[in-house]
Amino acid sequence: MLETVIKVPIVTVITPVFNGEKFLTETIESVLNQTLVNFEYIIVDDASTDQTFEIINKFKKKDKRIKIVKLNKNVGPITARNLAIDKSKGIFIAFIDADDLWHPEKLNIQIKEMQEFDLNFTYTNFEIFRNKNTNRRKKVVCPKKYYLSTLFSNSGIALSSVIYKRDYNNLIRFADGIPYTEFDLYFSLIALYEKGNLINKTLLSYRHHNNSLSLNKIKVLKTMYFIYRKKLKFSVFLSVIFISQISFNSIGRQIKRLIV
């Protein structure tokens, strides 16, 4: 474990967590075991009622790169991530959910390519596994470029693989008030940086939960509808047409992913 505090981190890693004791230890270890060591790790305990805080605090005592934001009221992952963004000092911002796992070279490979090729918004391929079944995985290959048109036709990137160059005016944030705003973040990134770029390596293991699929998809569609109607000012008719296309594409992707 690292003994000294890193004052100017290259990257800030952000994890929001609510009652995540089941898988949190594995996630934290996958971050702390990165071969790139110059980072800060902000973990937001979103008013957990289990052993989440004790787990985080145990790691913090051993590694000063960890910073804990402990909330007394549950605000949800969107607001929790924004609170961490406000406290971040890194040149780059990275996210990992409290049950996902990173390859040890993830930060090193991704940040190196971003610096070498002057990339502002990147993501990686990833693999999906179910709950604790880490031996059986399904690889997901992401689009090489992520444009606005890609956002509206194929949502095939994972937030836990995303790294972007921070905007010191804090324009790049999750939008509060929408049930599922991961896509709103992508919208902001594309608006500022034009596109996202694939780092063509599988550097993330995404944990799939059987009971989360249908609910998350409904929230995604609600968010996409909001973007069409409120941000792009599309008509109800066009918004519904595009959402229907997204739904059709999503069903096809999910069928492939479920065959793990």
Protein backbone atom coordinates (compact mmCIF):
# COMPACT_ATOMS: atom_id res chain seq x y z
CA MET A 1 0.00 0.00 0.00
CA LEU A 2 1.11 3.59 -0.65
CA GLU A 3 2.36 5.47 2.39
CA THR A 4 2.41 9.06 1.13
CA VAL A 5 -0.34 11.37 0.00
CA ILE A 6 -0.21 12.18 -3.72
CA LYS A 7 -0.79 15.95 -3.95
CA VAL A 8 -1.21 16.32 -7.72
CA PRO A 9 -2.90 13.15 -8.99
CA ILE A 10 -3.00 12.37 -12.69
CA VAL A 11 -6.46 10.89 -12.31
CA THR A 12 -9.31 10.95 -9.82
CA VAL A 13 -11.16 7.65 -9.47
CA ILE A 14 -14.76 7.91 -8.23
CA THR A 15 -16.98 5.23 -6.69
CA PRO A 16 -20.45 5.90 -5.25
CA VAL A 17 -21.67 3.11 -3.00
CA PHE A 18 -24.80 2.29 -1.04
CA ASN A 19 -24.84 -0.90 1.04
CA GLY A 20 -22.11 -2.42 -1.09
CA GLU A 21 -20.43 -4.68 1.46
CA LYS A 22 -20.91 -7.79 -0.68
CA PHE A 23 -18.50 -6.87 -3.50
CA LEU A 24 -16.87 -3.59 -2.41
CA THR A 25 -13.63 -5.12 -1.16
CA GLU A 26 -12.93 -6.67 -4.58
CA THR A 27 -13.60 -3.36 -6.33
CA ILE A 28 -11.35 -1.32 -4.04
CA GLU A 29 -8.54 -3.86 -4.36
CA SER A 30 -8.78 -3.74 -8.16
CA VAL A 31 -8.27 0.03 -7.99
CA LEU A 32 -5.45 0.02 -5.44
CA ASN A 33 -3.63 -2.70 -7.41
CA GLN A 34 -3.31 -0.48 -10.49
CA THR A 35 0.20 -0.25 -11.94
CA LEU A 36 -0.30 3.49 -12.34
CA VAL A 37 -0.01 4.75 -8.76
CA ASN A 38 -0.46 8.52 -9.14
CA PHE A 39 -4.19 8.78 -8.48
CA GLU A 40 -6.65 9.76 -5.79
CA TYR A 41 -9.62 7.54 -5.02
CA ILE A 42 -12.80 9.24 -3.81
CA ILE A 43 -15.39 6.83 -2.43
CA VAL A 44 -18.80 8.28 -1.58
CA ASP A 45 -20.64 6.29 1.08
CA ASP A 46 -24.23 7.19 0.26
CA ALA A 47 -25.67 6.72 3.77
CA SER A 48 -25.07 2.97 3.84
CA THR A 49 -26.58 0.94 6.69
CA ASP A 50 -24.36 -2.14 6.35
CA GLN A 51 -20.57 -2.51 6.80
CA THR A 52 -19.71 -0.35 3.77
CA PHE A 53 -18.11 2.49 5.74
CA GLU A 54 -16.06 0.11 7.88
CA ILE A 55 -14.71 -1.58 4.75
CA ILE A 56 -13.74 1.74 3.15
CA ASN A 57 -12.18 3.07 6.35
CA LYS A 58 -10.10 -0.09 6.75
CA PHE A 59 -8.54 0.52 3.33
CA LYS A 60 -8.13 4.26 3.96
CA LYS A 61 -5.99 3.57 7.03
CA LYS A 62 -3.58 1.63 4.81
CA ASP A 63 -3.63 3.82 1.70
CA LYS A 64 -3.73 7.61 1.82
CA ARG A 65 -4.90 7.87 -1.77
CA ILE A 66 -8.40 7.00 -0.55
CA LYS A 67 -10.71 9.87 0.41
CA ILE A 68 -14.07 9.14 2.00
CA VAL A 69 -17.16 11.27 1.55
CA LYS A 70 -19.73 9.98 4.04
CA LEU A 71 -23.29 11.18 3.52
CA ASN A 72 -25.95 11.18 6.22
CA LYS A 73 -28.79 11.12 3.69
CA ASN A 74 -29.09 8.87 0.67
CA VAL A 75 -28.86 11.00 -2.50
CA GLY A 76 -28.36 8.34 -5.18
CA PRO A 77 -25.33 7.58 -7.40
CA ILE A 78 -25.81 10.57 -9.72
CA THR A 79 -25.57 13.23 -7.02
CA ALA A 80 -22.89 11.21 -5.21
CA ARG A 81 -20.70 11.23 -8.33
CA ASN A 82 -21.20 14.97 -8.75
CA LEU A 83 -20.13 15.57 -5.15
CA ALA A 84 -16.95 13.60 -5.85
CA ILE A 85 -16.33 15.52 -9.08
CA ASP A 86 -16.52 18.76 -7.05
CA LYS A 87 -13.80 17.47 -4.72
CA SER A 88 -11.61 15.97 -7.44
CA LYS A 89 -8.08 17.21 -8.18
CA GLY A 90 -7.02 14.89 -10.98
CA ILE A 91 -6.35 15.94 -14.56
CA PHE A 92 -8.54 13.05 -15.64
CA ILE A 93 -11.74 11.63 -14.12
CA ALA A 94 -12.51 7.89 -14.02
CA PHE A 95 -15.47 5.98 -12.63
CA ILE A 96 -15.90 2.48 -11.28
CA ASP A 97 -19.09 1.13 -9.74
CA ALA A 98 -18.88 -0.59 -6.37
CA ASP A 99 -19.14 -4.11 -7.76
CA ASP A 100 -17.05 -3.90 -10.95
CA LEU A 101 -13.39 -4.89 -11.39
CA TRP A 102 -10.49 -3.27 -13.25
CA HIS A 103 -7.59 -4.99 -14.98
CA PRO A 104 -4.35 -3.99 -13.15
CA GLU A 105 -3.08 -2.12 -16.25
CA LYS A 106 -6.35 -0.27 -16.84
CA LEU A 107 -5.36 3.23 -15.75
CA ASN A 108 -1.80 2.95 -17.05
CA ILE A 109 -2.83 1.86 -20.56
CA GLN A 110 -5.77 4.22 -20.90
CA ILE A 111 -4.11 7.36 -19.52
CA LYS A 112 -0.94 6.72 -21.53
CA GLU A 113 -2.90 6.55 -24.80
CA MET A 114 -4.92 9.62 -23.89
CA GLN A 115 -1.76 11.62 -23.25
CA GLU A 116 0.10 10.30 -26.28
CA PHE A 117 -2.72 10.90 -28.77
CA ASP A 118 -4.28 13.92 -27.04
CA LEU A 119 -7.61 12.18 -26.38
CA ASN A 120 -10.15 13.77 -24.05
CA PHE A 121 -12.84 11.10 -23.72
CA THR A 122 -12.10 7.37 -23.90
CA TYR A 123 -13.59 4.03 -22.92
CA THR A 124 -12.54 0.38 -23.25
CA ASN A 125 -13.96 -2.97 -24.21
CA PHE A 126 -15.29 -4.93 -21.27
CA GLU A 127 -16.39 -8.38 -20.20
CA ILE A 128 -19.57 -9.33 -18.36
CA PHE A 129 -19.84 -11.88 -15.60
CA ARG A 130 -22.72 -12.84 -13.33
CA ASN A 131 -22.56 -12.08 -9.62
CA LYS A 132 -19.67 -14.19 -8.24
CA ASN A 133 -19.13 -16.33 -11.34
CA THR A 134 -15.86 -14.69 -12.40
CA ASN A 135 -14.70 -17.67 -14.47
CA ARG A 136 -17.43 -17.41 -17.10
CA ARG A 137 -17.31 -14.12 -18.98
CA LYS A 138 -18.77 -12.60 -22.13
CA LYS A 139 -16.62 -10.06 -23.99
CA VAL A 140 -18.26 -6.90 -25.30
CA VAL A 141 -16.49 -5.02 -28.12
CA CYS A 142 -17.41 -1.35 -28.13
CA PRO A 143 -17.67 1.05 -31.11
CA LYS A 144 -14.34 2.59 -32.19
CA LYS A 145 -15.78 6.10 -32.03
CA TYR A 146 -18.62 7.44 -29.93
CA TYR A 147 -20.44 10.31 -31.66
CA LEU A 148 -23.82 11.86 -30.99
CA SER A 149 -25.32 9.51 -33.57
CA THR A 150 -23.75 6.54 -31.77
CA LEU A 151 -25.24 7.68 -28.50
CA PHE A 152 -28.72 7.63 -29.98
CA SER A 153 -28.40 4.30 -31.76
CA ASN A 154 -26.17 2.09 -29.64
CA SER A 155 -25.46 2.52 -25.94
CA GLY A 156 -22.73 -0.08 -25.87
CA ILE A 157 -20.12 1.44 -23.57
CA ALA A 158 -19.72 0.99 -19.82
CA LEU A 159 -19.38 3.90 -17.41
CA SER A 160 -16.83 1.97 -15.32
CA SER A 161 -14.50 2.01 -18.34
CA VAL A 162 -14.85 5.73 -19.10
CA ILE A 163 -12.08 8.25 -18.48
CA TYR A 164 -12.30 11.88 -19.55
CA LYS A 165 -10.13 14.96 -19.24
CA ARG A 166 -11.58 17.15 -16.54
CA ASP A 167 -13.24 20.43 -17.34
CA TYR A 168 -12.21 23.02 -14.76
CA ASN A 169 -15.47 24.93 -15.29
CA ASN A 170 -17.35 21.82 -14.13
CA LEU A 171 -19.45 21.67 -17.28
CA ILE A 172 -19.04 17.90 -17.45
CA ARG A 173 -21.38 16.55 -14.81
CA PHE A 174 -24.26 14.19 -14.35
CA ALA A 175 -27.64 15.91 -14.60
CA ASP A 176 -29.62 15.75 -11.38
CA GLY A 177 -33.35 15.25 -11.53
CA ILE A 178 -33.34 12.50 -14.18
CA PRO A 179 -33.68 8.87 -13.05
CA TYR A 180 -30.70 7.54 -15.00
CA THR A 181 -28.30 10.14 -16.38
CA GLU A 182 -25.28 8.18 -17.52
CA PHE A 183 -26.28 9.07 -21.08
CA ASP A 184 -26.61 12.72 -20.19
CA LEU A 185 -22.94 12.64 -19.14
CA TYR A 186 -22.02 11.14 -22.52
CA PHE A 187 -24.10 13.84 -24.18
CA SER A 188 -22.09 16.54 -22.35
CA LEU A 189 -18.78 14.89 -23.20
CA ILE A 190 -19.64 14.65 -26.89
CA ALA A 191 -20.89 18.25 -26.92
CA LEU A 192 -17.57 19.47 -25.49
CA TYR A 193 -15.06 17.04 -27.02
CA GLU A 194 -16.92 16.04 -30.24
CA LYS A 195 -16.48 12.30 -29.77
CA GLY A 196 -15.24 9.48 -27.59
CA ASN A 197 -12.45 7.08 -28.61
CA LEU A 198 -12.12 3.38 -27.91
CA ILE A 199 -9.01 2.07 -26.19
CA ASN A 200 -9.17 -1.30 -27.90
CA LYS A 201 -8.39 -3.53 -24.94
CA THR A 202 -10.59 -5.37 -22.46
CA LEU A 203 -9.77 -3.64 -19.18
CA LEU A 204 -13.04 -3.85 -17.24
CA SER A 205 -15.01 -6.74 -15.78
CA TYR A 206 -18.64 -5.67 -15.43
CA ARG A 207 -20.73 -7.51 -12.86
CA HIS A 208 -24.22 -8.29 -14.16
CA HIS A 209 -27.05 -8.71 -11.66
CA ASN A 210 -30.06 -10.73 -12.73
CA ASN A 211 -32.59 -8.41 -11.09
CA SER A 212 -31.27 -5.13 -12.46
CA LEU A 213 -31.76 -5.48 -16.21
CA SER A 214 -35.39 -4.48 -16.83
CA LEU A 215 -35.46 -1.61 -14.32
CA ASN A 216 -32.24 -0.05 -15.64
CA LYS A 217 -33.43 -0.28 -19.23
CA ILE A 218 -36.66 1.54 -18.40
CA LYS A 219 -34.66 4.31 -16.71
CA VAL A 220 -32.33 4.54 -19.71
CA LEU A 221 -35.24 4.97 -22.11
CA LYS A 222 -36.77 7.66 -19.90
CA THR A 223 -33.47 9.52 -19.91
CA MET A 224 -33.07 9.24 -23.67
CA TYR A 225 -36.61 10.52 -24.16
CA PHE A 226 -35.75 13.49 -21.92
CA ILE A 227 -32.67 14.26 -24.04
CA TYR A 228 -34.67 14.14 -27.28
CA ARG A 229 -37.58 16.24 -26.04
CA LYS A 230 -35.92 18.73 -23.67
CA LYS A 231 -32.39 19.15 -24.97
CA LEU A 232 -32.78 18.56 -28.68
CA LYS A 233 -36.37 19.86 -28.87
CA PHE A 234 -37.57 16.94 -31.01
CA SER A 235 -41.30 16.37 -31.42
CA VAL A 236 -43.06 13.68 -29.41
CA PHE A 237 -43.46 11.63 -32.59
CA LEU A 238 -39.75 11.70 -33.52
CA SER A 239 -38.71 11.08 -29.93
CA VAL A 240 -40.88 7.97 -29.74
CA ILE A 241 -39.57 6.71 -33.10
CA PHE A 242 -35.94 7.05 -32.01
CA ILE A 243 -36.62 5.52 -28.60
CA SER A 244 -38.27 2.56 -30.32
CA GLN A 245 -35.13 2.06 -32.42
CA ILE A 246 -32.95 2.20 -29.31
CA SER A 247 -35.22 -0.38 -27.62
CA PHE A 248 -34.95 -2.72 -30.60
CA ASN A 249 -31.15 -2.45 -30.67
CA SER A 250 -30.98 -2.89 -26.91
CA ILE A 251 -32.98 -6.13 -26.98
CA GLY A 252 -30.57 -7.59 -29.53
CA ARG A 253 -27.54 -6.61 -27.46
CA GLN A 254 -29.03 -8.02 -24.27
CA ILE A 255 -29.80 -11.35 -25.88
CA LYS A 256 -26.15 -11.62 -26.90
CA ARG A 257 -24.91 -10.55 -23.45
CA LEU A 258 -27.14 -12.95 -21.57
CA ILE A 259 -25.51 -15.89 -23.35
CA VAL A 260 -22.60 -15.89 -20.93
